[in-house]
Amino acid sequence: MKLRCCVLLLLMLGPLSADRLMAQQRASAIVLKISGAVILKRGGNQIKLNSNSDLGRRLFGGDKINCQKGAKLSLRLGSRDTELDENSGWFELPRLAARDAGAAQRAIEEYGRIGGRDKGAKSESVLYQPADEDFVVPEMFAIGWNPLRKNCAVKFEIQKPDGGLLWQQEKIAGSAGTLNAESARSLLETYRNATGGVLRLRLSGSCVHDQSSFSLLSVRDENALKSELQPWDNDPSKLMSHLGRAAVFARYQMLAEVANEYEGALTLAPRSRDLLLRTIEAHNRTGNLARVRALKKRLARV
């Protein structure tokens, strides 16, 4: 009986380990468009790609793609799109060395590898933007939280490291879930230029108390961020533009912005399984529990 249980356990762990191993591999390409019958060969398995759920799918070195009669596939390989059709035969994805990783290829590899600590969502989380220990650009500052009941009015405060008050806004509907917080942006920019340091965002009300800490990107880092984002803003593929921008924000530990970019990509490929999984992970890192639950229900229907 004990031997039988051990065998069953190994059989259960086998596929799980393979999935984890695949997740750790460096992706070589991302699927952008699928038309017709396209076959993916990975190891000894053959998979017919779905034109909806396989958009945004990661492909790995050694994977082979075959477009059957009349079919076409567009994928992002490095800095360029590669178009395959029935005349391409079995196209094998290259195994890339670390030295081959330019900015475009790094974005492909980092797709889904969310930056920052692996804190995960906690059941008591309310605030998710800025995520705890996140970095923020003053002009992009906004507040997001898991919506509260309708009759709960809340107040937000930004406190300096010494406990002094930098900004506050009162009488906000707790059910809103988001606040533009435009009035805080100029104050944050002035504070960064004059002092700097870790700030604390406090949320309080009759039904809730929560807080998160965040830091402001330096002027130098903000300029570098904008420089790295620019090529992706001009990318001909809107889907790849969002994924590239997400990779940049991840490197600067701006997790709320990573989640926002994945959401933008989801509007273009709403049934993409890979993209849904990565958007769930991104929101889980920030603590946006309401969105995590909604996306998990959506994933179950794909």
C-alpha atoms as a PDB file:
ATOM      1  CA  MET A   1       0.000   0.000   0.000  1.00  0.00           C
ATOM      2  CA  LYS A   2       2.828   2.403   0.913  1.00  0.00           C
ATOM      3  CA  LEU A   3       4.639   1.631  -2.369  1.00  0.00           C
ATOM      4  CA  ARG A   4       1.467   2.278  -4.353  1.00  0.00           C
ATOM      5  CA  CYS A   5       1.010   5.663  -2.665  1.00  0.00           C
ATOM      6  CA  CYS A   6       4.610   6.617  -3.467  1.00  0.00           C
ATOM      7  CA  VAL A   7       4.139   5.698  -7.126  1.00  0.00           C
ATOM      8  CA  LEU A   8       0.950   7.768  -7.320  1.00  0.00           C
ATOM      9  CA  LEU A   9       2.742  10.715  -5.701  1.00  0.00           C
ATOM     10  CA  LEU A  10       5.586  10.550  -8.234  1.00  0.00           C
ATOM     11  CA  LEU A  11       3.106  10.410 -11.099  1.00  0.00           C
ATOM     12  CA  MET A  12       1.399  13.517  -9.733  1.00  0.00           C
ATOM     13  CA  LEU A  13       4.658  15.414  -9.197  1.00  0.00           C
ATOM     14  CA  GLY A  14       6.128  14.549 -12.610  1.00  0.00           C
ATOM     15  CA  PRO A  15       4.052  16.934 -14.759  1.00  0.00           C
ATOM     16  CA  LEU A  16       4.249  19.605 -12.076  1.00  0.00           C
ATOM     17  CA  SER A  17       8.044  19.510 -12.135  1.00  0.00           C
ATOM     18  CA  ALA A  18       8.032  19.705 -15.931  1.00  0.00           C
ATOM     19  CA  ASP A  19       5.818  22.797 -15.783  1.00  0.00           C
ATOM     20  CA  ARG A  20       8.128  24.434 -13.292  1.00  0.00           C
ATOM     21  CA  LEU A  21      11.147  23.586 -15.416  1.00  0.00           C
ATOM     22  CA  MET A  22       9.489  25.127 -18.493  1.00  0.00           C
ATOM     23  CA  ALA A  23       8.653  28.266 -16.510  1.00  0.00           C
ATOM     24  CA  GLN A  24      12.361  28.712 -15.712  1.00  0.00           C
ATOM     25  CA  GLN A  25      13.514  28.440 -19.341  1.00  0.00           C
ATOM     26  CA  ARG A  26      14.382  31.496 -21.414  1.00  0.00           C
ATOM     27  CA  ALA A  27      11.636  32.163 -23.943  1.00  0.00           C
ATOM     28  CA  SER A  28      12.809  32.607 -27.533  1.00  0.00           C
ATOM     29  CA  ALA A  29       9.666  34.089 -29.101  1.00  0.00           C
ATOM     30  CA  ILE A  30       6.082  35.184 -28.511  1.00  0.00           C
ATOM     31  CA  VAL A  31       3.112  34.332 -30.747  1.00  0.00           C
ATOM     32  CA  LEU A  32       1.472  37.480 -32.170  1.00  0.00           C
ATOM     33  CA  LYS A  33      -1.014  36.182 -34.765  1.00  0.00           C
ATOM     34  CA  ILE A  34      -2.421  32.794 -35.777  1.00  0.00           C
ATOM     35  CA  SER A  35      -4.484  32.026 -38.861  1.00  0.00           C
ATOM     36  CA  GLY A  36      -5.518  28.523 -39.861  1.00  0.00           C
ATOM     37  CA  ALA A  37      -4.112  25.192 -38.637  1.00  0.00           C
ATOM     38  CA  VAL A  38      -0.718  25.675 -36.979  1.00  0.00           C
ATOM     39  CA  ILE A  39       1.071  22.825 -35.176  1.00  0.00           C
ATOM     40  CA  LEU A  40       3.561  23.239 -32.319  1.00  0.00           C
ATOM     41  CA  LYS A  41       5.924  20.328 -31.713  1.00  0.00           C
ATOM     42  CA  ARG A  42       7.546  20.372 -28.272  1.00  0.00           C
ATOM     43  CA  GLY A  43       9.548  17.305 -27.357  1.00  0.00           C
ATOM     44  CA  GLY A  44       7.424  14.327 -28.316  1.00  0.00           C
ATOM     45  CA  ASN A  45       4.140  16.232 -28.178  1.00  0.00           C
ATOM     46  CA  GLN A  46       2.245  17.977 -30.969  1.00  0.00           C
ATOM     47  CA  ILE A  47      -0.225  20.733 -30.147  1.00  0.00           C
ATOM     48  CA  LYS A  48      -2.636  22.480 -32.496  1.00  0.00           C
ATOM     49  CA  LEU A  49      -2.453  26.157 -31.646  1.00  0.00           C
ATOM     50  CA  ASN A  50      -5.671  28.045 -30.988  1.00  0.00           C
ATOM     51  CA  SER A  51      -6.086  31.418 -32.713  1.00  0.00           C
ATOM     52  CA  ASN A  52      -7.431  32.970 -29.506  1.00  0.00           C
ATOM     53  CA  SER A  53      -6.032  31.217 -26.431  1.00  0.00           C
ATOM     54  CA  ASP A  54      -2.495  30.838 -27.857  1.00  0.00           C
ATOM     55  CA  LEU A  55      -1.956  34.500 -28.705  1.00  0.00           C
ATOM     56  CA  GLY A  56       0.820  35.788 -26.470  1.00  0.00           C
ATOM     57  CA  ARG A  57       2.098  32.237 -25.991  1.00  0.00           C
ATOM     58  CA  ARG A  58       5.802  31.853 -25.186  1.00  0.00           C
ATOM     59  CA  LEU A  59       7.892  29.638 -27.453  1.00  0.00           C
ATOM     60  CA  PHE A  60      11.216  28.117 -26.431  1.00  0.00           C
ATOM     61  CA  GLY A  61      14.429  27.099 -28.138  1.00  0.00           C
ATOM     62  CA  GLY A  62      13.945  23.705 -29.796  1.00  0.00           C
ATOM     63  CA  ASP A  63      10.192  24.177 -30.326  1.00  0.00           C
ATOM     64  CA  LYS A  64       9.126  23.466 -33.903  1.00  0.00           C
ATOM     65  CA  ILE A  65       6.283  25.178 -35.761  1.00  0.00           C
ATOM     66  CA  ASN A  66       4.481  23.959 -38.876  1.00  0.00           C
ATOM     67  CA  CYS A  67       1.820  25.911 -40.741  1.00  0.00           C
ATOM     68  CA  GLN A  68      -0.510  23.612 -42.616  1.00  0.00           C
ATOM     69  CA  LYS A  69      -2.110  24.499 -45.947  1.00  0.00           C
ATOM     70  CA  GLY A  70      -3.316  28.098 -45.997  1.00  0.00           C
ATOM     71  CA  ALA A  71      -2.191  28.762 -42.398  1.00  0.00           C
ATOM     72  CA  LYS A  72      -0.015  31.650 -41.214  1.00  0.00           C
ATOM     73  CA  LEU A  73       1.771  32.473 -37.988  1.00  0.00           C
ATOM     74  CA  SER A  74       3.389  35.717 -36.868  1.00  0.00           C
ATOM     75  CA  LEU A  75       5.811  35.626 -33.956  1.00  0.00           C
ATOM     76  CA  ARG A  76       8.203  38.076 -32.345  1.00  0.00           C
ATOM     77  CA  LEU A  77      11.719  36.739 -32.411  1.00  0.00           C
ATOM     78  CA  GLY A  78      14.230  39.244 -31.073  1.00  0.00           C
ATOM     79  CA  SER A  79      13.610  42.731 -32.442  1.00  0.00           C
ATOM     80  CA  ARG A  80      11.679  41.636 -35.543  1.00  0.00           C
ATOM     81  CA  ASP A  81       8.509  39.838 -36.504  1.00  0.00           C
ATOM     82  CA  THR A  82       8.915  36.461 -38.211  1.00  0.00           C
ATOM     83  CA  GLU A  83       6.153  35.390 -40.585  1.00  0.00           C
ATOM     84  CA  LEU A  84       5.607  31.677 -41.255  1.00  0.00           C
ATOM     85  CA  ASP A  85       3.295  29.971 -43.759  1.00  0.00           C
ATOM     86  CA  GLU A  86       2.798  26.593 -45.411  1.00  0.00           C
ATOM     87  CA  ASN A  87       6.047  27.057 -47.360  1.00  0.00           C
ATOM     88  CA  SER A  88       8.147  27.450 -44.198  1.00  0.00           C
ATOM     89  CA  GLY A  89       8.195  23.706 -43.404  1.00  0.00           C
ATOM     90  CA  TRP A  90       9.043  22.826 -39.825  1.00  0.00           C
ATOM     91  CA  PHE A  91      10.536  26.031 -38.380  1.00  0.00           C
ATOM     92  CA  GLU A  92      12.715  25.379 -35.316  1.00  0.00           C
ATOM     93  CA  LEU A  93      13.067  28.082 -32.688  1.00  0.00           C
ATOM     94  CA  PRO A  94      16.734  28.913 -32.035  1.00  0.00           C
ATOM     95  CA  ARG A  95      18.364  28.283 -28.684  1.00  0.00           C
ATOM     96  CA  LEU A  96      19.696  31.716 -27.775  1.00  0.00           C
ATOM     97  CA  ALA A  97      22.858  32.311 -25.769  1.00  0.00           C
ATOM     98  CA  ALA A  98      22.946  34.974 -23.054  1.00  0.00           C
ATOM     99  CA  ARG A  99      25.098  37.173 -25.307  1.00  0.00           C
ATOM    100  CA  ASP A 100      22.246  37.321 -27.843  1.00  0.00           C
ATOM    101  CA  ALA A 101      19.910  39.084 -25.429  1.00  0.00           C
ATOM    102  CA  GLY A 102      19.404  42.610 -26.751  1.00  0.00           C
ATOM    103  CA  ALA A 103      16.703  44.868 -25.326  1.00  0.00           C
ATOM    104  CA  ALA A 104      13.971  43.295 -27.474  1.00  0.00           C
ATOM    105  CA  GLN A 105      14.982  39.739 -26.649  1.00  0.00           C
ATOM    106  CA  ARG A 106      15.244  40.547 -22.940  1.00  0.00           C
ATOM    107  CA  ALA A 107      11.630  41.728 -23.031  1.00  0.00           C
ATOM    108  CA  ILE A 108      10.595  38.358 -24.464  1.00  0.00           C
ATOM    109  CA  GLU A 109      12.553  36.491 -21.795  1.00  0.00           C
ATOM    110  CA  GLU A 110      11.192  38.663 -18.996  1.00  0.00           C
ATOM    111  CA  TYR A 111       7.585  38.249 -20.138  1.00  0.00           C
ATOM    112  CA  GLY A 112       5.885  36.959 -17.025  1.00  0.00           C
ATOM    113  CA  ARG A 113       8.895  37.253 -14.747  1.00  0.00           C
ATOM    114  CA  ILE A 114       7.506  40.032 -12.561  1.00  0.00           C
ATOM    115  CA  GLY A 115      10.188  42.095 -10.835  1.00  0.00           C
ATOM    116  CA  GLY A 116      10.392  42.744  -7.111  1.00  0.00           C
ATOM    117  CA  ARG A 117       9.982  40.537  -4.084  1.00  0.00           C
ATOM    118  CA  ASP A 118       7.725  37.492  -4.176  1.00  0.00           C
ATOM    119  CA  LYS A 119       5.279  38.748  -1.570  1.00  0.00           C
ATOM    120  CA  GLY A 120       2.068  37.572  -3.185  1.00  0.00           C
ATOM    121  CA  ALA A 121      -1.392  38.796  -2.302  1.00  0.00           C
ATOM    122  CA  LYS A 122      -2.461  38.662   1.328  1.00  0.00           C
ATOM    123  CA  SER A 123      -6.034  38.112   2.389  1.00  0.00           C
ATOM    124  CA  GLU A 124      -6.012  41.379   4.369  1.00  0.00           C
ATOM    125  CA  SER A 125      -4.605  43.507   1.511  1.00  0.00           C
ATOM    126  CA  VAL A 126      -6.627  46.579   0.593  1.00  0.00           C
ATOM    127  CA  LEU A 127      -4.164  48.955  -1.090  1.00  0.00           C
ATOM    128  CA  TYR A 128      -2.518  47.682  -4.256  1.00  0.00           C
ATOM    129  CA  GLN A 129      -1.361  50.859  -6.055  1.00  0.00           C
ATOM    130  CA  PRO A 130       1.267  51.811  -5.331  1.00  0.00           C
ATOM    131  CA  ALA A 131       2.158  48.274  -4.291  1.00  0.00           C
ATOM    132  CA  ASP A 132       4.022  47.988  -1.007  1.00  0.00           C
ATOM    133  CA  GLU A 133       7.734  48.769  -1.553  1.00  0.00           C
ATOM    134  CA  ASP A 134       6.997  49.851  -5.127  1.00  0.00           C
ATOM    135  CA  PHE A 135       8.764  52.659  -6.995  1.00  0.00           C
ATOM    136  CA  VAL A 136       6.717  55.535  -8.391  1.00  0.00           C
ATOM    137  CA  VAL A 137       7.180  58.318 -10.952  1.00  0.00           C
ATOM    138  CA  PRO A 138       5.547  61.462  -9.485  1.00  0.00           C
ATOM    139  CA  GLU A 139       3.621  62.361 -12.655  1.00  0.00           C
ATOM    140  CA  MET A 140       2.182  58.812 -12.827  1.00  0.00           C
ATOM    141  CA  PHE A 141       1.096  58.607  -9.174  1.00  0.00           C
ATOM    142  CA  ALA A 142      -2.386  57.165  -8.645  1.00  0.00           C
ATOM    143  CA  ILE A 143      -4.069  55.146  -5.908  1.00  0.00           C
ATOM    144  CA  GLY A 144      -5.840  51.811  -6.262  1.00  0.00           C
ATOM    145  CA  TRP A 145      -7.481  49.627  -3.633  1.00  0.00           C
ATOM    146  CA  ASN A 146      -9.829  46.684  -3.359  1.00  0.00           C
ATOM    147  CA  PRO A 147     -13.307  48.283  -3.294  1.00  0.00           C
ATOM    148  CA  LEU A 148     -15.042  48.645   0.065  1.00  0.00           C
ATOM    149  CA  ARG A 149     -18.738  48.809   0.940  1.00  0.00           C
ATOM    150  CA  LYS A 150     -20.697  51.778  -0.397  1.00  0.00           C
ATOM    151  CA  ASN A 151     -21.306  53.559   2.911  1.00  0.00           C
ATOM    152  CA  CYS A 152     -17.601  53.576   3.873  1.00  0.00           C
ATOM    153  CA  ALA A 153     -15.945  56.972   3.356  1.00  0.00           C
ATOM    154  CA  VAL A 154     -12.134  56.904   3.432  1.00  0.00           C
ATOM    155  CA  LYS A 155      -9.197  59.261   3.789  1.00  0.00           C
ATOM    156  CA  PHE A 156      -5.753  59.006   2.207  1.00  0.00           C
ATOM    157  CA  GLU A 157      -2.553  60.493   3.589  1.00  0.00           C
ATOM    158  CA  ILE A 158       1.033  60.495   2.340  1.00  0.00           C
ATOM    159  CA  GLN A 159       3.458  60.714   5.239  1.00  0.00           C
ATOM    160  CA  LYS A 160       7.125  61.653   5.128  1.00  0.00           C
ATOM    161  CA  PRO A 161       9.766  59.403   6.765  1.00  0.00           C
ATOM    162  CA  ASP A 162       9.619  61.586   9.917  1.00  0.00           C
ATOM    163  CA  GLY A 163       5.847  61.174  10.147  1.00  0.00           C
ATOM    164  CA  GLY A 164       5.054  64.629   8.805  1.00  0.00           C
ATOM    165  CA  LEU A 165       2.096  65.053   6.456  1.00  0.00           C
ATOM    166  CA  LEU A 166       2.890  65.646   2.769  1.00  0.00           C
ATOM    167  CA  TRP A 167      -0.613  65.282   1.281  1.00  0.00           C
ATOM    168  CA  GLN A 168      -4.117  64.173   2.200  1.00  0.00           C
ATOM    169  CA  GLN A 169      -7.567  63.826   0.655  1.00  0.00           C
ATOM    170  CA  GLU A 170     -10.749  63.064   2.596  1.00  0.00           C
ATOM    171  CA  LYS A 171     -14.359  61.985   2.056  1.00  0.00           C
ATOM    172  CA  ILE A 172     -13.661  59.528  -0.753  1.00  0.00           C
ATOM    173  CA  ALA A 173     -16.124  56.750  -1.516  1.00  0.00           C
ATOM    174  CA  GLY A 174     -14.527  53.498  -0.415  1.00  0.00           C
ATOM    175  CA  SER A 175     -16.444  51.665  -3.136  1.00  0.00           C
ATOM    176  CA  ALA A 176     -14.669  53.644  -5.904  1.00  0.00           C
ATOM    177  CA  GLY A 177     -11.500  51.533  -5.850  1.00  0.00           C
ATOM    178  CA  THR A 178      -9.373  54.139  -7.650  1.00  0.00           C
ATOM    179  CA  LEU A 179      -8.286  57.745  -7.132  1.00  0.00           C
ATOM    180  CA  ASN A 180      -6.508  59.866  -9.732  1.00  0.00           C
ATOM    181  CA  ALA A 181      -4.682  61.782  -6.948  1.00  0.00           C
ATOM    182  CA  GLU A 182      -3.552  64.480  -9.378  1.00  0.00           C
ATOM    183  CA  SER A 183      -3.197  66.977  -6.530  1.00  0.00           C
ATOM    184  CA  ALA A 184      -0.444  64.815  -5.007  1.00  0.00           C
ATOM    185  CA  ARG A 185       1.811  64.713  -8.083  1.00  0.00           C
ATOM    186  CA  SER A 186       3.359  68.163  -7.929  1.00  0.00           C
ATOM    187  CA  LEU A 187       3.929  67.743  -4.177  1.00  0.00           C
ATOM    188  CA  LEU A 188       5.697  64.427  -4.789  1.00  0.00           C
ATOM    189  CA  GLU A 189       7.911  65.974  -7.447  1.00  0.00           C
ATOM    190  CA  THR A 190       8.842  68.879  -5.186  1.00  0.00           C
ATOM    191  CA  TYR A 191       9.523  66.492  -2.307  1.00  0.00           C
ATOM    192  CA  ARG A 192      11.759  64.294  -4.478  1.00  0.00           C
ATOM    193  CA  ASN A 193      13.787  67.253  -5.715  1.00  0.00           C
ATOM    194  CA  ALA A 194      14.199  68.708  -2.230  1.00  0.00           C
ATOM    195  CA  THR A 195      14.545  65.696   0.046  1.00  0.00           C
ATOM    196  CA  GLY A 196      13.592  62.212  -1.089  1.00  0.00           C
ATOM    197  CA  GLY A 197      13.155  59.106   1.014  1.00  0.00           C
ATOM    198  CA  VAL A 198      10.611  56.341   1.553  1.00  0.00           C
ATOM    199  CA  LEU A 199       7.027  57.577   1.858  1.00  0.00           C
ATOM    200  CA  ARG A 200       4.027  55.938   3.498  1.00  0.00           C
ATOM    201  CA  LEU A 201       0.524  55.915   2.015  1.00  0.00           C
ATOM    202  CA  ARG A 202      -2.122  55.506   4.708  1.00  0.00           C
ATOM    203  CA  LEU A 203      -5.748  54.556   4.112  1.00  0.00           C
ATOM    204  CA  SER A 204      -8.239  55.051   6.944  1.00  0.00           C
ATOM    205  CA  GLY A 205     -11.989  55.067   7.419  1.00  0.00           C
ATOM    206  CA  SER A 206     -14.823  53.689   9.482  1.00  0.00           C
ATOM    207  CA  CYS A 207     -14.428  50.259   7.891  1.00  0.00           C
ATOM    208  CA  VAL A 208     -10.732  50.036   7.013  1.00  0.00           C
ATOM    209  CA  HIS A 209      -7.143  50.803   7.974  1.00  0.00           C
ATOM    210  CA  ASP A 210      -4.241  49.946   5.677  1.00  0.00           C
ATOM    211  CA  GLN A 211      -0.921  51.333   4.520  1.00  0.00           C
ATOM    212  CA  SER A 212       1.866  50.796   2.033  1.00  0.00           C
ATOM    213  CA  SER A 213       5.325  52.260   1.603  1.00  0.00           C
ATOM    214  CA  PHE A 214       6.785  53.478  -1.681  1.00  0.00           C
ATOM    215  CA  SER A 215       9.813  55.295  -3.061  1.00  0.00           C
ATOM    216  CA  LEU A 216      10.128  57.843  -5.854  1.00  0.00           C
ATOM    217  CA  LEU A 217      12.357  57.159  -8.815  1.00  0.00           C
ATOM    218  CA  SER A 218      15.243  59.613  -8.997  1.00  0.00           C
ATOM    219  CA  VAL A 219      15.257  62.114 -11.866  1.00  0.00           C
ATOM    220  CA  ARG A 220      18.106  60.154 -13.440  1.00  0.00           C
ATOM    221  CA  ASP A 221      16.231  56.852 -13.221  1.00  0.00           C
ATOM    222  CA  GLU A 222      13.018  58.453 -14.477  1.00  0.00           C
ATOM    223  CA  ASN A 223      14.835  59.745 -17.564  1.00  0.00           C
ATOM    224  CA  ALA A 224      16.351  56.294 -18.134  1.00  0.00           C
ATOM    225  CA  LEU A 225      12.907  54.713 -17.756  1.00  0.00           C
ATOM    226  CA  LYS A 226      11.390  57.024 -20.366  1.00  0.00           C
ATOM    227  CA  SER A 227      14.290  56.315 -22.732  1.00  0.00           C
ATOM    228  CA  GLU A 228      13.739  52.550 -22.415  1.00  0.00           C
ATOM    229  CA  LEU A 229       9.977  52.895 -22.919  1.00  0.00           C
ATOM    230  CA  GLN A 230      10.250  54.968 -26.102  1.00  0.00           C
ATOM    231  CA  PRO A 231      11.148  52.151 -28.543  1.00  0.00           C
ATOM    232  CA  TRP A 232       8.158  50.134 -27.312  1.00  0.00           C
ATOM    233  CA  ASP A 233       5.823  53.092 -27.811  1.00  0.00           C
ATOM    234  CA  ASN A 234       6.784  53.008 -31.505  1.00  0.00           C
ATOM    235  CA  ASP A 235       6.577  49.229 -31.904  1.00  0.00           C
ATOM    236  CA  PRO A 236       4.345  48.211 -34.842  1.00  0.00           C
ATOM    237  CA  SER A 237       2.736  45.439 -32.759  1.00  0.00           C
ATOM    238  CA  LYS A 238       0.419  46.869 -30.102  1.00  0.00           C
ATOM    239  CA  LEU A 239       0.480  43.570 -28.216  1.00  0.00           C
ATOM    240  CA  MET A 240       4.291  43.522 -28.141  1.00  0.00           C
ATOM    241  CA  SER A 241       4.324  47.206 -27.191  1.00  0.00           C
ATOM    242  CA  HIS A 242       2.440  46.420 -23.969  1.00  0.00           C
ATOM    243  CA  LEU A 243       4.622  43.393 -23.176  1.00  0.00           C
ATOM    244  CA  GLY A 244       7.804  45.368 -23.813  1.00  0.00           C
ATOM    245  CA  ARG A 245       6.662  48.235 -21.613  1.00  0.00           C
ATOM    246  CA  ALA A 246       5.723  45.744 -18.885  1.00  0.00           C
ATOM    247  CA  ALA A 247       9.255  44.308 -18.991  1.00  0.00           C
ATOM    248  CA  VAL A 248      10.740  47.796 -18.577  1.00  0.00           C
ATOM    249  CA  PHE A 249       8.476  48.666 -15.639  1.00  0.00           C
ATOM    250  CA  ALA A 250       9.340  45.327 -14.011  1.00  0.00           C
ATOM    251  CA  ARG A 251      13.053  46.174 -14.087  1.00  0.00           C
ATOM    252  CA  TYR A 252      12.322  49.448 -12.298  1.00  0.00           C
ATOM    253  CA  GLN A 253      10.132  47.650  -9.736  1.00  0.00           C
ATOM    254  CA  MET A 254       6.956  49.484 -10.712  1.00  0.00           C
ATOM    255  CA  LEU A 255       4.625  46.538 -10.209  1.00  0.00           C
ATOM    256  CA  ALA A 256       1.334  48.420 -10.508  1.00  0.00           C
ATOM    257  CA  GLU A 257       2.428  49.684 -13.934  1.00  0.00           C
ATOM    258  CA  VAL A 258       3.395  46.140 -14.971  1.00  0.00           C
ATOM    259  CA  ALA A 259      -0.140  44.975 -14.179  1.00  0.00           C
ATOM    260  CA  ASN A 260      -1.611  47.923 -16.099  1.00  0.00           C
ATOM    261  CA  GLU A 261       0.417  47.036 -19.211  1.00  0.00           C
ATOM    262  CA  TYR A 262      -0.690  43.397 -19.049  1.00  0.00           C
ATOM    263  CA  GLU A 263      -4.275  44.632 -18.796  1.00  0.00           C
ATOM    264  CA  GLY A 264      -3.687  46.672 -21.945  1.00  0.00           C
ATOM    265  CA  ALA A 265      -2.373  43.562 -23.692  1.00  0.00           C
ATOM    266  CA  LEU A 266      -5.437  41.599 -22.542  1.00  0.00           C
ATOM    267  CA  THR A 267      -7.737  43.997 -24.370  1.00  0.00           C
ATOM    268  CA  LEU A 268      -5.982  42.859 -27.579  1.00  0.00           C
ATOM    269  CA  ALA A 269      -5.875  39.139 -26.725  1.00  0.00           C
ATOM    270  CA  PRO A 270      -8.661  38.622 -24.155  1.00  0.00           C
ATOM    271  CA  ARG A 271      -8.581  34.806 -24.329  1.00  0.00           C
ATOM    272  CA  SER A 272      -4.801  34.353 -24.256  1.00  0.00           C
ATOM    273  CA  ARG A 273      -4.004  31.708 -21.653  1.00  0.00           C
ATOM    274  CA  ASP A 274      -0.353  32.727 -21.154  1.00  0.00           C
ATOM    275  CA  LEU A 275      -1.307  36.374 -20.857  1.00  0.00           C
ATOM    276  CA  LEU A 276      -4.110  35.666 -18.397  1.00  0.00           C
ATOM    277  CA  LEU A 277      -1.724  33.674 -16.200  1.00  0.00           C
ATOM    278  CA  ARG A 278       0.836  36.454 -16.211  1.00  0.00           C
ATOM    279  CA  THR A 279      -1.719  39.174 -15.558  1.00  0.00           C
ATOM    280  CA  ILE A 280      -2.998  37.190 -12.580  1.00  0.00           C
ATOM    281  CA  GLU A 281       0.568  36.888 -11.285  1.00  0.00           C
ATOM    282  CA  ALA A 282       1.136  40.629 -11.748  1.00  0.00           C
ATOM    283  CA  HIS A 283      -2.012  41.550  -9.814  1.00  0.00           C
ATOM    284  CA  ASN A 284      -1.210  38.982  -7.149  1.00  0.00           C
ATOM    285  CA  ARG A 285       2.140  40.708  -6.581  1.00  0.00           C
ATOM    286  CA  THR A 286       0.451  44.069  -6.042  1.00  0.00           C
ATOM    287  CA  GLY A 287      -2.383  42.673  -3.895  1.00  0.00           C
ATOM    288  CA  ASN A 288      -5.274  43.488  -6.254  1.00  0.00           C
ATOM    289  CA  LEU A 289      -7.338  40.571  -4.984  1.00  0.00           C
ATOM    290  CA  ALA A 290     -10.607  41.532  -6.638  1.00  0.00           C
ATOM    291  CA  ARG A 291      -8.975  41.499 -10.061  1.00  0.00           C
ATOM    292  CA  VAL A 292      -7.150  38.237  -9.315  1.00  0.00           C
ATOM    293  CA  ARG A 293     -10.449  36.521  -8.536  1.00  0.00           C
ATOM    294  CA  ALA A 294     -12.126  37.888 -11.669  1.00  0.00           C
ATOM    295  CA  LEU A 295      -9.269  36.811 -13.937  1.00  0.00           C
ATOM    296  CA  LYS A 296      -9.130  33.326 -12.417  1.00  0.00           C
ATOM    297  CA  LYS A 297     -12.802  32.841 -13.279  1.00  0.00           C
ATOM    298  CA  ARG A 298     -12.066  34.037 -16.811  1.00  0.00           C
ATOM    299  CA  LEU A 299      -9.092  31.683 -17.107  1.00  0.00           C
ATOM    300  CA  ALA A 300     -11.261  28.717 -16.113  1.00  0.00           C
ATOM    301  CA  ARG A 301     -13.442  29.364 -19.169  1.00  0.00           C
ATOM    302  CA  VAL A 302     -10.559  29.464 -21.656  1.00  0.00           C
END
